[in-house]
Structures are given as structure tokens and as C-alpha cells.
């Protein structure tokens, strides 16, 4: 059975995200978004009164994706580190695309920076359910960020993700070193 086609509003938002990722914020003008979405500029403005409304919808999408991801992470409490790091590979999912698009505008947009900070806070809170040491939680997030960046840049990671997961799990399980 064929998937229903996305609504005009969703196509417009998807087009905005695509332009942000592929060409950057300056190229993602309202005219370019309308052209890419194959709608008139009036049609775009019917759904999004201005570029700020597109940004708000992008952030809403990111937050919905984060919420769904956190729910999936909670469904794997016995392997939260493995789940978190395995899903850190950029696979071009709507979640990945929302993150990349938000990253593209974050330098100039406080709302985007705030959304990315909230995303990290949600990850931190979810991981802290199974990792008691906040510093270790941060290390796991930093490793995740590295996996994501490497896979987003060229589609690969230097080592297999499973090898990385195994190393991180050994580090987490190790007793903290005693400083004299």
C-alpha cells in the first residue's frame, strides 16, 4: 500500500530542512523553499507567515523527534549506552535531518541553540537513569556527538560502532581512579 503524500505544510518544512542542510541558511529563502516544495509563495505564506515560523516548526519537529527518541531509549534500559551510541550514526532519518538543519541555523539563532541545549539536557536526563556518574554521562554524550559528526561528514565512522560501544561500556564499568 502506498504511503499517503505529505501535506503541503510538511512538504514546505521538509524543503526548508533540505535547503538548510544542502545549501545553508542564506540559500533557504522563502522563494527557494516555495520553489523546492513546488508551491507558490502565497501557498508557503498560507502555512508559514514568515521565516521565523519555519524556524519554529523546525524546532517543534526536532523536539518531537527528541521526545520519541528518549521514549525508545527508555525502552532499552538494559542497554541504554548501546542504544544511544548505535543511534548516533547519521542515517538520514527525519531526526537526523532535524538535528542537522537546526545545527545549520544555530550559530545565528538563539532559539535553535536553546533547542539543541534542551536536546542534550534530555539525553543527559535519560542516560542518568542508568549511568549514575554525571561526568560519565557527559563522556557518553561526547562520544555520541563524535560518532554523529563523523558519520554526518562522510557517512562513515573510523571504527565500528559496536567496538566503540564495547570500549565505552568497559570505561563505564571500570571503577573510578583514585587520585592521591
C-alpha atoms as a PDB file:
ATOM      1  CA  UNK A   1       0.000   0.000   0.000  1.00  0.00           C
ATOM      2  CA  UNK A   2       1.405   3.388  -0.977  1.00  0.00           C
ATOM      3  CA  UNK A   3       2.230   5.922   1.696  1.00  0.00           C
ATOM      4  CA  UNK A   4      -0.009   8.992   1.632  1.00  0.00           C
ATOM      5  CA  UNK A   5       1.778  12.013   0.250  1.00  0.00           C
ATOM      6  CA  UNK A   6       2.819  14.578   2.826  1.00  0.00           C
ATOM      7  CA  UNK A   7       0.673  17.648   3.254  1.00  0.00           C
ATOM      8  CA  UNK A   8       1.741  20.889   1.622  1.00  0.00           C
ATOM      9  CA  UNK A   9       2.790  22.170   5.047  1.00  0.00           C
ATOM     10  CA  UNK A  10       5.015  19.122   5.624  1.00  0.00           C
ATOM     11  CA  UNK A  11       6.496  19.391   2.112  1.00  0.00           C
ATOM     12  CA  UNK A  12       7.328  23.036   2.758  1.00  0.00           C
ATOM     13  CA  UNK A  13       9.003  22.246   6.082  1.00  0.00           C
ATOM     14  CA  UNK A  14      10.863  19.295   4.514  1.00  0.00           C
ATOM     15  CA  UNK A  15      12.043  21.592   1.708  1.00  0.00           C
ATOM     16  CA  UNK A  16      13.257  24.173   4.207  1.00  0.00           C
ATOM     17  CA  UNK A  17      15.180  21.471   6.063  1.00  0.00           C
ATOM     18  CA  UNK A  18      16.666  20.133   2.820  1.00  0.00           C
ATOM     19  CA  UNK A  19      17.827  23.597   1.754  1.00  0.00           C
ATOM     20  CA  UNK A  20      19.350  24.288   5.170  1.00  0.00           C
ATOM     21  CA  UNK A  21      21.285  21.029   5.059  1.00  0.00           C
ATOM     22  CA  UNK A  22      22.388  21.147   1.440  1.00  0.00           C
ATOM     23  CA  UNK A  23      22.934  24.857   0.852  1.00  0.00           C
ATOM     24  CA  UNK A  24      22.825  26.667   4.188  1.00  0.00           C
ATOM     25  CA  UNK A  25      20.666  29.284   5.809  1.00  0.00           C
ATOM     26  CA  UNK A  26      21.256  32.056   3.275  1.00  0.00           C
ATOM     27  CA  UNK A  27      20.048  29.872   0.426  1.00  0.00           C
ATOM     28  CA  UNK A  28      16.888  28.870   2.307  1.00  0.00           C
ATOM     29  CA  UNK A  29      14.919  31.954   1.299  1.00  0.00           C
ATOM     30  CA  UNK A  30      11.132  31.843   1.217  1.00  0.00           C
ATOM     31  CA  UNK A  31      11.251  31.880  -2.597  1.00  0.00           C
ATOM     32  CA  UNK A  32      13.705  28.966  -2.690  1.00  0.00           C
ATOM     33  CA  UNK A  33      11.687  26.986  -0.157  1.00  0.00           C
ATOM     34  CA  UNK A  34       8.470  27.526  -2.144  1.00  0.00           C
ATOM     35  CA  UNK A  35      10.193  26.505  -5.381  1.00  0.00           C
ATOM     36  CA  UNK A  36      11.702  23.373  -3.800  1.00  0.00           C
ATOM     37  CA  UNK A  37       8.353  22.424  -2.223  1.00  0.00           C
ATOM     38  CA  UNK A  38       6.616  23.062  -5.551  1.00  0.00           C
ATOM     39  CA  UNK A  39       4.138  25.509  -4.054  1.00  0.00           C
ATOM     40  CA  UNK A  40       3.524  29.162  -4.751  1.00  0.00           C
ATOM     41  CA  UNK A  41       4.994  31.726  -2.411  1.00  0.00           C
ATOM     42  CA  UNK A  42       1.413  32.524  -1.402  1.00  0.00           C
ATOM     43  CA  UNK A  43       0.930  28.845  -0.575  1.00  0.00           C
ATOM     44  CA  UNK A  44       4.041  28.914   1.582  1.00  0.00           C
ATOM     45  CA  UNK A  45       2.867  32.072   3.349  1.00  0.00           C
ATOM     46  CA  UNK A  46      -0.517  30.453   3.990  1.00  0.00           C
ATOM     47  CA  UNK A  47       1.228  27.820   6.126  1.00  0.00           C
ATOM     48  CA  UNK A  48       4.189  29.870   7.401  1.00  0.00           C
ATOM     49  CA  UNK A  49       3.730  33.628   7.726  1.00  0.00           C
ATOM     50  CA  UNK A  50       7.499  34.225   7.641  1.00  0.00           C
ATOM     51  CA  UNK A  51      10.882  32.572   8.021  1.00  0.00           C
ATOM     52  CA  UNK A  52      10.612  32.692  11.821  1.00  0.00           C
ATOM     53  CA  UNK A  53       7.541  30.458  11.565  1.00  0.00           C
ATOM     54  CA  UNK A  54       9.603  27.957   9.556  1.00  0.00           C
ATOM     55  CA  UNK A  55      12.291  28.024  12.248  1.00  0.00           C
ATOM     56  CA  UNK A  56       9.675  27.472  14.966  1.00  0.00           C
ATOM     57  CA  UNK A  57       8.263  24.498  13.069  1.00  0.00           C
ATOM     58  CA  UNK A  58      11.745  23.054  12.559  1.00  0.00           C
ATOM     59  CA  UNK A  59      12.379  23.304  16.301  1.00  0.00           C
ATOM     60  CA  UNK A  60       8.989  21.722  17.045  1.00  0.00           C
ATOM     61  CA  UNK A  61       9.879  18.840  14.746  1.00  0.00           C
ATOM     62  CA  UNK A  62      13.260  18.438  16.443  1.00  0.00           C
ATOM     63  CA  UNK A  63      11.622  18.393  19.865  1.00  0.00           C
ATOM     64  CA  UNK A  64       9.062  15.788  18.727  1.00  0.00           C
ATOM     65  CA  UNK A  65      11.881  13.614  17.377  1.00  0.00           C
ATOM     66  CA  UNK A  66      13.874  14.012  20.612  1.00  0.00           C
ATOM     67  CA  UNK A  67      10.839  13.019  22.668  1.00  0.00           C
ATOM     68  CA  UNK A  68      10.295   9.899  20.546  1.00  0.00           C
ATOM     69  CA  UNK A  69      13.991   9.005  20.736  1.00  0.00           C
ATOM     70  CA  UNK A  70      14.036   9.354  24.524  1.00  0.00           C
ATOM     71  CA  UNK A  71      10.994   7.056  24.735  1.00  0.00           C
ATOM     72  CA  UNK A  72      12.843   4.468  22.633  1.00  0.00           C
ATOM     73  CA  UNK A  73      15.938   4.847  24.836  1.00  0.00           C
ATOM     74  CA  UNK A  74      13.827   4.255  27.955  1.00  0.00           C
ATOM     75  CA  UNK A  75      12.523   1.079  26.315  1.00  0.00           C
ATOM     76  CA  UNK A  76      16.122  -0.253  26.350  1.00  0.00           C
ATOM     77  CA  UNK A  77      17.247   0.341  29.970  1.00  0.00           C
ATOM     78  CA  UNK A  78      19.483  -2.733  29.959  1.00  0.00           C
ATOM     79  CA  UNK A  79      21.460  -1.335  27.019  1.00  0.00           C
ATOM     80  CA  UNK A  80      20.938   2.419  27.126  1.00  0.00           C
ATOM     81  CA  UNK A  81      24.573   3.109  26.189  1.00  0.00           C
ATOM     82  CA  UNK A  82      24.444   0.702  23.250  1.00  0.00           C
ATOM     83  CA  UNK A  83      21.125   2.068  22.022  1.00  0.00           C
ATOM     84  CA  UNK A  84      22.256   5.670  22.395  1.00  0.00           C
ATOM     85  CA  UNK A  85      25.560   5.185  20.580  1.00  0.00           C
ATOM     86  CA  UNK A  86      24.147   2.930  17.832  1.00  0.00           C
ATOM     87  CA  UNK A  87      21.508   5.530  17.042  1.00  0.00           C
ATOM     88  CA  UNK A  88      24.138   8.274  16.969  1.00  0.00           C
ATOM     89  CA  UNK A  89      25.146   7.273  13.444  1.00  0.00           C
ATOM     90  CA  UNK A  90      23.607   9.707  10.963  1.00  0.00           C
ATOM     91  CA  UNK A  91      21.307   7.578   8.820  1.00  0.00           C
ATOM     92  CA  UNK A  92      19.457  10.458   7.174  1.00  0.00           C
ATOM     93  CA  UNK A  93      16.340   9.888   9.264  1.00  0.00           C
ATOM     94  CA  UNK A  94      13.892  12.728   9.902  1.00  0.00           C
ATOM     95  CA  UNK A  95      15.518  13.007  13.355  1.00  0.00           C
ATOM     96  CA  UNK A  96      19.000  13.305  11.829  1.00  0.00           C
ATOM     97  CA  UNK A  97      17.768  15.854   9.316  1.00  0.00           C
ATOM     98  CA  UNK A  98      16.089  17.935  12.030  1.00  0.00           C
ATOM     99  CA  UNK A  99      19.325  17.937  14.041  1.00  0.00           C
ATOM    100  CA  UNK A 100      21.466  18.896  11.036  1.00  0.00           C
ATOM    101  CA  UNK A 101      19.098  21.666   9.956  1.00  0.00           C
ATOM    102  CA  UNK A 102      18.954  23.062  13.490  1.00  0.00           C
ATOM    103  CA  UNK A 103      22.746  22.945  13.705  1.00  0.00           C
ATOM    104  CA  UNK A 104      22.943  24.909  10.441  1.00  0.00           C
ATOM    105  CA  UNK A 105      20.997  27.839  11.900  1.00  0.00           C
ATOM    106  CA  UNK A 106      22.220  27.631  15.499  1.00  0.00           C
ATOM    107  CA  UNK A 107      25.153  29.983  15.066  1.00  0.00           C
ATOM    108  CA  UNK A 108      22.834  32.884  14.301  1.00  0.00           C
ATOM    109  CA  UNK A 109      19.656  31.763  16.042  1.00  0.00           C
ATOM    110  CA  UNK A 110      19.234  31.655  19.817  1.00  0.00           C
ATOM    111  CA  UNK A 111      16.051  29.548  19.581  1.00  0.00           C
ATOM    112  CA  UNK A 112      17.987  26.884  17.696  1.00  0.00           C
ATOM    113  CA  UNK A 113      20.840  26.947  20.226  1.00  0.00           C
ATOM    114  CA  UNK A 114      18.321  26.643  23.052  1.00  0.00           C
ATOM    115  CA  UNK A 115      16.634  23.688  21.318  1.00  0.00           C
ATOM    116  CA  UNK A 116      19.970  21.909  20.883  1.00  0.00           C
ATOM    117  CA  UNK A 117      20.819  22.543  24.541  1.00  0.00           C
ATOM    118  CA  UNK A 118      17.435  21.117  25.574  1.00  0.00           C
ATOM    119  CA  UNK A 119      18.125  18.084  23.397  1.00  0.00           C
ATOM    120  CA  UNK A 120      21.405  17.476  25.237  1.00  0.00           C
ATOM    121  CA  UNK A 121      19.658  18.007  28.579  1.00  0.00           C
ATOM    122  CA  UNK A 122      17.039  15.389  27.644  1.00  0.00           C
ATOM    123  CA  UNK A 123      19.764  12.945  26.633  1.00  0.00           C
ATOM    124  CA  UNK A 124      21.623  13.651  29.871  1.00  0.00           C
ATOM    125  CA  UNK A 125      18.493  13.036  31.932  1.00  0.00           C
ATOM    126  CA  UNK A 126      17.638   9.823  30.101  1.00  0.00           C
ATOM    127  CA  UNK A 127      21.146   8.390  30.347  1.00  0.00           C
ATOM    128  CA  UNK A 128      21.480   9.326  34.013  1.00  0.00           C
ATOM    129  CA  UNK A 129      18.728   6.802  34.787  1.00  0.00           C
ATOM    130  CA  UNK A 130      21.236   4.017  34.114  1.00  0.00           C
ATOM    131  CA  UNK A 131      24.581   5.808  34.496  1.00  0.00           C
ATOM    132  CA  UNK A 132      24.915   7.274  37.990  1.00  0.00           C
ATOM    133  CA  UNK A 133      28.018   9.428  37.398  1.00  0.00           C
ATOM    134  CA  UNK A 134      27.179  12.726  35.611  1.00  0.00           C
ATOM    135  CA  UNK A 135      30.731  13.003  34.254  1.00  0.00           C
ATOM    136  CA  UNK A 136      30.404   9.573  32.639  1.00  0.00           C
ATOM    137  CA  UNK A 137      27.053  10.593  31.150  1.00  0.00           C
ATOM    138  CA  UNK A 138      28.799  13.585  29.576  1.00  0.00           C
ATOM    139  CA  UNK A 139      31.544  11.324  28.171  1.00  0.00           C
ATOM    140  CA  UNK A 140      28.902   9.077  26.578  1.00  0.00           C
ATOM    141  CA  UNK A 141      27.237  12.152  25.031  1.00  0.00           C
ATOM    142  CA  UNK A 142      30.607  13.438  23.758  1.00  0.00           C
ATOM    143  CA  UNK A 143      31.294  10.048  22.150  1.00  0.00           C
ATOM    144  CA  UNK A 144      27.808  10.174  20.618  1.00  0.00           C
ATOM    145  CA  UNK A 145      28.491  13.650  19.240  1.00  0.00           C
ATOM    146  CA  UNK A 146      31.746  12.370  17.719  1.00  0.00           C
ATOM    147  CA  UNK A 147      30.036   9.391  16.088  1.00  0.00           C
ATOM    148  CA  UNK A 148      27.313  11.677  14.753  1.00  0.00           C
ATOM    149  CA  UNK A 149      29.761  14.250  13.398  1.00  0.00           C
ATOM    150  CA  UNK A 150      31.962  11.644  11.727  1.00  0.00           C
ATOM    151  CA  UNK A 151      29.016   9.912  10.095  1.00  0.00           C
ATOM    152  CA  UNK A 152      27.387  13.202   9.048  1.00  0.00           C
ATOM    153  CA  UNK A 153      30.563  14.459   7.388  1.00  0.00           C
ATOM    154  CA  UNK A 154      31.456  11.495   5.227  1.00  0.00           C
ATOM    155  CA  UNK A 155      28.975   8.789   6.092  1.00  0.00           C
ATOM    156  CA  UNK A 156      31.484   6.625   7.922  1.00  0.00           C
ATOM    157  CA  UNK A 157      32.987   6.227  11.342  1.00  0.00           C
ATOM    158  CA  UNK A 158      36.634   5.320  11.940  1.00  0.00           C
ATOM    159  CA  UNK A 159      35.867   2.178  13.942  1.00  0.00           C
ATOM    160  CA  UNK A 160      32.810   0.063  14.033  1.00  0.00           C
ATOM    161  CA  UNK A 161      30.168   1.496  16.296  1.00  0.00           C
ATOM    162  CA  UNK A 162      29.989  -1.796  18.180  1.00  0.00           C
ATOM    163  CA  UNK A 163      33.718  -1.572  19.002  1.00  0.00           C
ATOM    164  CA  UNK A 164      33.148   1.944  20.296  1.00  0.00           C
ATOM    165  CA  UNK A 165      30.179   0.774  22.373  1.00  0.00           C
ATOM    166  CA  UNK A 166      32.290  -2.018  23.863  1.00  0.00           C
ATOM    167  CA  UNK A 167      35.060   0.430  24.830  1.00  0.00           C
ATOM    168  CA  UNK A 168      32.603   2.898  26.388  1.00  0.00           C
ATOM    169  CA  UNK A 169      30.881   0.118  28.339  1.00  0.00           C
ATOM    170  CA  UNK A 170      34.260  -1.038  29.705  1.00  0.00           C
ATOM    171  CA  UNK A 171      35.057   2.522  30.751  1.00  0.00           C
ATOM    172  CA  UNK A 172      31.674   2.932  32.424  1.00  0.00           C
ATOM    173  CA  UNK A 173      32.073  -0.371  34.278  1.00  0.00           C
ATOM    174  CA  UNK A 174      35.598   0.468  35.483  1.00  0.00           C
ATOM    175  CA  UNK A 175      35.980   1.807  38.993  1.00  0.00           C
ATOM    176  CA  UNK A 176      36.844   5.485  39.120  1.00  0.00           C
ATOM    177  CA  UNK A 177      40.575   6.060  39.552  1.00  0.00           C
ATOM    178  CA  UNK A 178      41.621   7.242  42.972  1.00  0.00           C
ATOM    179  CA  UNK A 179      43.556  10.485  42.898  1.00  0.00           C
ATOM    180  CA  UNK A 180      46.199  10.632  45.649  1.00  0.00           C
END
